[in-house]
Each structure stands twice: as structure tokens, then as C-alpha cells.
Amino acid sequence: MTVKYLDCTREVSAFQHTPADRRAWVASEIVGSDWIVEVAQEDLNEIDNLAQYILQNPLQNLQRRADDFDLPRCRNLMRKMKSILDDGVGFCVLDRLPMDNHSIEVMVEIYWILGQYMGRPVAQKWNGQMIYDVRDTGSKHHNQIRGSHTNAELVFHTDNAFAKMVPDYVGLLCRFPAKQGGISRFCSLYTVHERMHEKYPEELKRLYQPMYFNRQAEHHPDAEKVCLAPYFSWAHGRLNARANSFLVRAGYEVANEKIDALLGNALDAIDEVCASEDIWFEGPLQRGHLQYLNNHEVGHYRSNFVDNDDPDKKRHLFRIWNRERASSSYDGNRFSELPGKSI
């Protein structure tokens, strides 16, 4: 039987060596100034003024545009964060937003405005949802359930690795952390790539070739259930990783296809490399932290967790994706691409 798949093989590229710059790091090289962006009192004053304006000038949720506001200090904070994502270690935390001073509805609106300084927000689900709730719904992690809706351990990955249009940046605002666990870890995928080249060169070559990714039912009911794409590729001299070994294994299960031996070995090898303690950096996510990462060049991991006994204080993060390419819809489809469209 021929497998129907979303074709992303246009991303296939030739092998490149990892550049010797700040983007390739190991944990021992990371210091606080590499990834923590401090919030000064003057920044908080500007945020408090914005909160007051939002309360006095209601709009439906997520209708506010950052360009409508004069927020030089907030813009500068986000500019610092974006510089870290593009030219630094690739992940950062804004420490921190005043969650206890304002209602959660107002803080989400402020988060929405700040996120626009990182780039254009895009849909995170096929139904168009723009801000995504990351919390345990009691579901078990399997092929049709996103791990973000469970309390399961999530291996090192990039968000939406199975999509037609992968987001460039991922933001998380922490409303409440877990009672226990739920620890965030980060690794440079440039370093992972170089380790693979040193230890498993043949397996790395296989990761440059297309493979199936499970799409986790995030598509039109009649659409293809798997995506065919490479794990590693390059674009304009930068790494373009679709990192998620779990979704690749699940992709072959959904496609009812057997994983070839070399790919199976490659997935085991990359899990082994990512598990090396010297390669990942741990950054706890606390209430009010705004975390951002480069979603092509940094892998992130979450440990399993135990939730708070108080239902009003269970682990809850708000997620934003940013991407400038294509449209802001989940698949990034443009109106001009519709088959048979007449003008």
C-alpha cells in the first residue's frame, strides 16, 4: 500500500559542518548572562501602565497590536531576547513578569503584545488557536495526543517537527510551575549534530534523508496523517532541525511501515547523544518567567511531573509560536496557493 504523506522533502540539503561559534555549546560553557534577561523596575512600571490601559480600554482577546503602543522598554527587552535566540545560545528567560499584580486575563494580553516583538504569532493548532495552554489534561501520551497535554516526559525535540511550516521561535509564559518535576532542559542541536558526525557518521547521513513523522491528528480529517521530511537540513548557512525521535517512530507506526535498520540506529544514537549530561543545560521555569527558544537550532526537554493538589495552581503555561514565513494559519497556506482559485 502506498503511504499518503505531507511532502516536505524540498528541505533536503547537503551535509554541512557545524560552525565554530556561540551557537554550538555544552552546559559547562553557559553562564547566567547568556540566557537570563533581567527586568528592571522601569520595565515593570511600563508593564503596569500597559495593564492599566488594557483594563480601561477593553477589546476582545488577542486583538491588540504591538505597533499601537509606545513601549520602548518592553521592545528593548524582547530585542535582547531575540538577539540571544539568533546569535547567542538560542534560549533565554525574561525574569520576570508581575503575575501577582494583575489578573491572568490582563497578563495574557500583555504576553500577546510582547510576543509580537519577537515576530508574527501564528496558529498552533489546525483550528487556528493562537495561544496554546500547556497543562496536563489527564491524557496518556500516544500517537493522537500531544505530549503538552500530558504530564509525561518529553524527549529532546523541536516544536511541531511534523508540520508543513515549523515555527521559528517558541515562547512560554509560566502561570504556575509543577509541584514536582516538569524541569526544562536545553541542548544545542549544532552540538548534537557535531557529536553525531564524530561518533555516528553513517547514522547522521540517514538523518539528512526523508523519514515519516506522525502529525498527531493536527490536520484536516481527510489530510495525510504523516509528514515526510529530513531530521536535519540547512538553509542559508543555519541548521534547520525537525527534532523528535518519538514522532518519527510513531510516524512509521501510523504509516504501517517498518523503520529501516539504519534509521532505527540513527534514532537510538541521537537519543543517546542528547542524554549526555554535559550536552544539556537545565533551566527551571518559575511563575512569571517568560521563556523563549530558537525552534530550529535548540532542542528542549521536559521531565515528567507531579501537579499541585490545588486545582487552581496546577502547572499551566501559555505558549506562543512565531514565524514570518508563509501565512499565519497553522499550515501556512496562502490564498494564492488554492487549487483552481480564480481572481
Protein backbone atom coordinates (compact mmCIF):
# COMPACT_ATOMS: atom_id res chain seq x y z
CA MET A 1 0.00 0.00 0.00
CA THR A 2 1.28 3.46 -0.93
CA VAL A 3 1.56 5.78 2.05
CA LYS A 4 -0.03 9.20 1.64
CA TYR A 5 2.18 11.84 3.20
CA LEU A 6 2.64 15.58 3.51
CA ASP A 7 5.65 16.18 1.30
CA CYS A 8 8.34 18.35 2.93
CA THR A 9 11.25 16.79 1.07
CA ARG A 10 12.04 20.18 -0.50
CA GLU A 11 14.02 20.79 2.70
CA VAL A 12 16.56 18.06 1.91
CA SER A 13 20.04 19.61 1.71
CA ALA A 14 23.69 18.61 1.58
CA PHE A 15 25.71 17.90 4.72
CA GLN A 16 27.45 20.87 6.38
CA HIS A 17 29.87 21.01 9.28
CA THR A 18 28.79 22.74 12.47
CA PRO A 19 30.12 26.33 12.60
CA ALA A 20 32.55 27.11 15.40
CA ASP A 21 30.60 29.89 17.09
CA ARG A 22 28.38 30.58 20.13
CA ARG A 23 25.50 28.54 18.74
CA ALA A 24 27.41 25.29 19.42
CA TRP A 25 27.81 24.96 23.18
CA VAL A 26 27.93 22.49 26.06
CA ALA A 27 26.44 23.08 29.50
CA SER A 28 29.70 23.97 31.25
CA GLU A 29 30.10 27.00 28.97
CA ILE A 30 26.74 28.58 29.91
CA VAL A 31 26.61 31.43 32.43
CA GLY A 32 23.59 33.38 33.65
CA SER A 33 24.19 36.39 31.42
CA ASP A 34 23.99 34.09 28.36
CA TRP A 35 20.31 33.30 28.89
CA ILE A 36 18.74 35.42 31.66
CA VAL A 37 17.29 38.82 30.76
CA GLU A 38 16.66 40.85 33.90
CA VAL A 39 13.56 43.02 34.28
CA ALA A 40 14.29 46.42 35.89
CA GLN A 41 11.83 48.50 37.92
CA GLU A 42 11.46 50.91 34.99
CA ASP A 43 10.42 47.95 32.83
CA LEU A 44 7.84 46.90 35.41
CA ASN A 45 6.47 50.45 35.54
CA GLU A 46 5.90 50.38 31.78
CA ILE A 47 4.18 46.98 32.07
CA ASP A 48 1.96 48.26 34.91
CA ASN A 49 0.95 51.26 32.77
CA LEU A 50 0.10 48.90 29.92
CA ALA A 51 -2.01 46.75 32.26
CA GLN A 52 -3.93 49.80 33.41
CA TYR A 53 -4.60 50.82 29.80
CA ILE A 54 -5.86 47.33 28.92
CA LEU A 55 -8.30 47.42 31.84
CA GLN A 56 -9.61 50.83 30.89
CA ASN A 57 -9.88 50.08 27.15
CA PRO A 58 -11.40 46.61 26.67
CA LEU A 59 -11.07 44.66 23.44
CA GLN A 60 -11.83 41.08 22.54
CA ASN A 61 -8.96 38.75 23.34
CA LEU A 62 -5.79 38.93 21.22
CA GLN A 63 -6.91 41.88 19.10
CA ARG A 64 -4.20 44.26 20.27
CA ARG A 65 -1.22 45.01 18.03
CA ALA A 66 2.17 45.83 19.50
CA ASP A 67 2.67 48.63 16.96
CA ASP A 68 -0.24 50.51 18.51
CA PHE A 69 1.74 51.06 21.72
CA ASP A 70 4.79 53.12 22.63
CA LEU A 71 6.65 50.61 24.79
CA PRO A 72 10.37 51.30 24.35
CA ARG A 73 11.48 49.36 27.42
CA CYS A 74 9.41 46.28 26.58
CA ARG A 75 10.60 46.42 22.99
CA ASN A 76 14.20 46.57 24.20
CA LEU A 77 13.72 43.56 26.49
CA MET A 78 12.38 41.48 23.63
CA ARG A 79 15.11 42.72 21.31
CA LYS A 80 17.68 41.41 23.81
CA MET A 81 15.91 38.06 23.88
CA LYS A 82 15.75 37.79 20.10
CA SER A 83 19.46 38.55 19.84
CA ILE A 84 20.18 35.62 22.18
CA LEU A 85 17.99 33.34 20.07
CA ASP A 86 19.58 34.35 16.77
CA ASP A 87 23.22 34.91 17.67
CA GLY A 88 23.68 33.51 21.18
CA VAL A 89 22.93 30.26 22.94
CA GLY A 90 19.44 30.04 21.37
CA PHE A 91 17.30 30.04 24.54
CA CYS A 92 16.53 32.69 27.15
CA VAL A 93 14.28 33.61 30.07
CA LEU A 94 12.83 37.00 30.93
CA ASP A 95 12.94 37.25 34.74
CA ARG A 96 10.12 38.04 35.31
CA LEU A 97 6.61 39.37 34.61
CA PRO A 98 4.44 40.65 37.52
CA MET A 99 1.88 37.83 37.59
CA ASP A 100 0.70 38.66 41.12
CA ASN A 101 -0.07 42.31 40.33
CA HIS A 102 -2.69 41.81 37.61
CA SER A 103 -5.40 39.40 36.54
CA ILE A 104 -4.38 36.45 34.40
CA GLU A 105 -6.51 37.81 31.54
CA VAL A 106 -4.54 41.05 31.53
CA MET A 107 -1.20 39.23 31.80
CA VAL A 108 -2.05 37.06 28.79
CA GLU A 109 -2.86 40.21 26.79
CA ILE A 110 0.50 41.69 27.81
CA TYR A 111 2.21 38.43 26.84
CA TRP A 112 0.47 38.58 23.46
CA ILE A 113 1.80 42.10 22.88
CA LEU A 114 5.34 41.22 23.99
CA GLY A 115 5.35 38.13 21.80
CA GLN A 116 4.74 40.25 18.72
CA TYR A 117 8.11 41.93 19.24
CA MET A 118 9.67 38.52 18.65
CA GLY A 119 7.85 38.17 15.31
CA ARG A 120 4.44 37.36 13.91
CA PRO A 121 2.40 34.97 16.07
CA VAL A 122 0.94 32.02 14.16
CA ALA A 123 -1.69 29.36 14.80
CA GLN A 124 -0.62 26.42 16.95
CA LYS A 125 -3.49 24.11 16.09
CA TRP A 126 -5.30 23.37 12.87
CA ASN A 127 -8.38 25.13 14.34
CA GLY A 128 -6.42 28.40 14.45
CA GLN A 129 -5.70 28.65 18.18
CA MET A 130 -3.07 31.36 18.68
CA ILE A 131 -2.21 30.99 22.38
CA TYR A 132 -1.94 27.39 23.49
CA ASP A 133 -2.49 26.11 27.03
CA VAL A 134 0.26 23.71 28.11
CA ARG A 135 -1.18 21.69 31.00
CA ASP A 136 -1.96 18.12 31.95
CA THR A 137 -5.48 17.10 30.90
CA GLY A 138 -5.09 13.60 32.36
CA SER A 139 -4.49 12.06 28.94
CA LYS A 140 -1.81 9.50 28.21
CA HIS A 141 0.88 10.36 25.66
CA HIS A 142 0.22 8.46 22.42
CA ASN A 143 0.07 8.95 18.65
CA GLN A 144 -3.02 11.17 18.63
CA ILE A 145 -2.35 13.20 21.81
CA ARG A 146 0.24 15.96 22.05
CA GLY A 147 2.66 15.47 24.91
CA SER A 148 1.95 19.04 26.05
CA HIS A 149 -1.48 17.81 27.23
CA THR A 150 0.07 15.17 29.50
CA ASN A 151 2.48 15.00 32.44
CA ALA A 152 4.77 12.59 30.57
CA GLU A 153 8.48 13.01 29.99
CA LEU A 154 9.14 14.63 26.60
CA VAL A 155 12.42 13.75 24.88
CA PHE A 156 14.57 16.48 23.36
CA HIS A 157 12.60 17.91 20.49
CA THR A 158 11.65 20.96 18.46
CA ASP A 159 8.00 22.05 18.42
CA ASN A 160 5.78 20.99 15.52
CA ALA A 161 8.51 18.93 13.89
CA PHE A 162 5.86 17.17 11.78
CA ALA A 163 4.33 20.32 10.28
CA LYS A 164 4.31 21.80 6.83
CA MET A 165 5.58 25.05 8.34
CA VAL A 166 7.69 24.73 11.52
CA PRO A 167 7.66 27.77 13.86
CA ASP A 168 10.87 29.77 14.16
CA TYR A 169 10.53 30.69 17.83
CA VAL A 170 8.64 29.21 20.79
CA GLY A 171 7.58 31.27 23.80
CA LEU A 172 6.25 30.03 27.15
CA LEU A 173 4.78 32.15 29.94
CA CYS A 174 4.63 30.32 33.26
CA ARG A 175 1.42 30.86 35.21
CA PHE A 176 2.23 28.07 37.67
CA PRO A 177 5.08 25.51 37.68
CA ALA A 178 4.58 21.89 38.68
CA LYS A 179 4.62 20.81 42.31
CA GLN A 180 7.46 18.45 41.45
CA GLY A 181 9.34 17.87 38.18
CA GLY A 182 8.46 19.43 34.85
CA ILE A 183 12.07 20.58 34.54
CA SER A 184 13.15 22.29 31.31
CA ARG A 185 16.42 21.29 29.65
CA PHE A 186 18.00 22.69 26.51
CA CYS A 187 20.66 21.46 24.12
CA SER A 188 22.37 22.99 21.13
CA LEU A 189 21.39 20.99 18.08
CA TYR A 190 24.61 22.21 16.45
CA THR A 191 26.50 20.37 19.21
CA VAL A 192 24.25 17.32 18.80
CA HIS A 193 24.91 17.38 15.06
CA GLU A 194 28.68 17.55 15.59
CA ARG A 195 28.62 14.71 18.15
CA MET A 196 26.69 12.60 15.67
CA HIS A 197 29.27 13.37 13.00
CA GLU A 198 32.09 12.34 15.35
CA LYS A 199 30.51 9.16 16.74
CA TYR A 200 27.86 8.05 14.24
CA PRO A 201 28.65 9.47 10.78
CA GLU A 202 26.63 6.89 8.82
CA GLU A 203 23.61 7.33 11.08
CA LEU A 204 23.88 11.12 10.67
CA LYS A 205 23.75 10.71 6.87
CA ARG A 206 20.44 8.86 7.28
CA LEU A 207 19.04 11.80 9.30
CA TYR A 208 19.61 14.02 6.25
CA GLN A 209 17.26 11.80 4.25
CA PRO A 210 13.43 11.93 4.45
CA MET A 211 11.56 9.98 7.12
CA TYR A 212 7.98 9.81 8.34
CA PHE A 213 6.79 12.00 11.22
CA ASN A 214 3.42 11.40 12.88
CA ARG A 215 1.25 14.54 12.52
CA GLN A 216 -0.68 13.79 15.74
CA ALA A 217 -4.05 14.31 14.01
CA GLU A 218 -3.35 18.05 13.73
CA HIS A 219 -4.80 18.45 10.24
CA HIS A 220 -7.96 18.33 8.16
CA PRO A 221 -9.73 14.96 8.68
CA ASP A 222 -9.04 13.96 5.08
CA ALA A 223 -5.39 15.08 5.06
CA GLU A 224 -2.26 12.96 5.20
CA LYS A 225 -1.54 11.53 8.65
CA VAL A 226 2.24 11.61 8.32
CA CYS A 227 4.84 14.06 7.07
CA LEU A 228 7.89 13.09 5.01
CA ALA A 229 10.89 15.29 5.82
CA PRO A 230 14.55 15.15 6.86
CA TYR A 231 15.54 15.35 10.52
CA PHE A 232 18.50 17.66 9.73
CA SER A 233 18.89 20.14 6.89
CA TRP A 234 20.46 23.55 6.31
CA ALA A 235 19.11 26.83 4.97
CA HIS A 236 21.15 30.00 4.44
CA GLY A 237 24.03 28.64 6.49
CA ARG A 238 21.88 27.77 9.52
CA LEU A 239 20.70 24.45 10.87
CA ASN A 240 17.08 23.54 10.24
CA ALA A 241 16.19 20.65 12.56
CA ARG A 242 12.94 18.73 12.84
CA ALA A 243 14.00 17.04 16.03
CA ASN A 244 11.68 14.48 17.61
CA SER A 245 12.64 10.81 17.65
CA PHE A 246 9.32 9.90 19.32
CA LEU A 247 7.30 11.35 16.43
CA VAL A 248 9.45 9.59 13.84
CA ARG A 249 8.92 6.21 15.48
CA ALA A 250 5.22 6.98 15.78
CA GLY A 251 5.15 8.12 12.14
CA TYR A 252 6.18 4.68 10.91
CA GLU A 253 3.62 3.08 13.20
CA VAL A 254 0.83 5.32 11.84
CA ALA A 255 2.00 4.69 8.25
CA ASN A 256 2.14 0.95 8.97
CA GLU A 257 5.68 0.91 7.65
CA LYS A 258 8.79 -0.70 9.14
CA ILE A 259 11.63 1.61 10.15
CA ASP A 260 14.74 0.74 8.14
CA ALA A 261 17.62 -0.54 10.24
CA LEU A 262 19.88 2.47 9.66
CA LEU A 263 17.16 4.92 10.68
CA GLY A 264 16.39 2.88 13.79
CA ASN A 265 20.05 3.01 14.73
CA ALA A 266 20.18 6.74 13.97
CA LEU A 267 17.22 7.48 16.27
CA ASP A 268 18.81 5.43 19.06
CA ALA A 269 22.10 7.23 18.51
CA ILE A 270 20.60 10.72 18.67
CA ASP A 271 18.67 9.82 21.84
CA GLU A 272 21.95 8.63 23.33
CA VAL A 273 23.79 11.82 22.35
CA CYS A 274 21.04 14.05 23.73
CA ALA A 275 21.07 12.13 27.01
CA SER A 276 24.72 13.03 27.63
CA GLU A 277 24.64 15.23 30.74
CA ASP A 278 27.43 17.51 29.53
CA ILE A 279 25.40 18.49 26.49
CA TRP A 280 22.23 19.84 28.11
CA PHE A 281 21.57 22.82 30.34
CA GLU A 282 18.80 22.84 32.92
CA GLY A 283 16.74 25.99 33.49
CA PRO A 284 13.83 25.77 35.96
CA LEU A 285 10.68 27.55 34.84
CA GLN A 286 9.11 29.61 37.63
CA ARG A 287 5.93 31.68 37.97
CA GLY A 288 6.19 34.80 35.82
CA HIS A 289 9.11 33.55 33.73
CA LEU A 290 8.84 34.20 30.00
CA GLN A 291 10.95 31.60 28.19
CA TYR A 292 11.83 31.75 24.50
CA LEU A 293 13.89 29.46 22.26
CA ASN A 294 15.08 29.13 18.69
CA ASN A 295 12.97 26.26 17.39
CA HIS A 296 15.33 25.22 14.57
CA GLU A 297 18.61 25.18 16.46
CA VAL A 298 17.82 24.31 20.10
CA GLY A 299 16.22 21.13 21.38
CA HIS A 300 14.17 21.22 24.56
CA TYR A 301 13.16 18.53 27.01
CA ARG A 302 10.64 18.31 29.83
CA SER A 303 10.79 15.83 32.68
CA ASN A 304 7.60 14.16 33.90
CA PHE A 305 5.90 15.97 36.74
CA VAL A 306 3.53 15.80 39.68
CA ASP A 307 0.87 18.51 39.75
CA ASN A 308 -0.19 20.71 42.64
CA ASP A 309 -3.01 19.33 44.78
CA ASP A 310 -4.82 22.69 44.49
CA PRO A 311 -6.70 22.59 41.16
CA ASP A 312 -6.28 26.37 40.83
CA LYS A 313 -2.48 26.07 40.98
CA LYS A 314 -1.77 23.16 38.66
CA ARG A 315 1.09 23.52 36.17
CA HIS A 316 -0.06 25.89 33.46
CA LEU A 317 2.00 27.53 30.72
CA PHE A 318 0.83 29.75 27.86
CA ARG A 319 2.63 29.13 24.57
CA ILE A 320 3.18 31.37 21.54
CA TRP A 321 4.73 30.40 18.21
CA ASN A 322 6.33 32.98 15.93
CA ARG A 323 7.04 32.62 12.23
CA GLU A 324 7.44 35.15 9.42
CA ARG A 325 7.25 32.70 6.51
CA ALA A 326 4.01 31.99 4.62
CA SER A 327 0.62 32.81 6.15
CA SER A 328 -0.23 32.86 9.86
CA SER A 329 -2.50 29.80 9.56
CA TYR A 330 -1.36 26.52 11.06
CA ASP A 331 -0.15 25.07 7.75
CA GLY A 332 0.99 28.45 6.45
CA ASN A 333 -1.08 28.06 3.29
CA ARG A 334 -1.61 31.18 1.20
CA PHE A 335 -4.85 32.02 -0.58
CA SER A 336 -2.94 32.21 -3.88
CA GLU A 337 -1.97 28.54 -3.47
CA LEU A 338 -5.55 27.26 -3.53
CA PRO A 339 -6.09 24.91 -6.49
CA GLY A 340 -8.50 26.27 -9.07
CA LYS A 341 -8.66 29.72 -7.45
CA SER A 342 -9.96 32.36 -9.81
CA ILE A 343 -9.22 36.07 -9.49
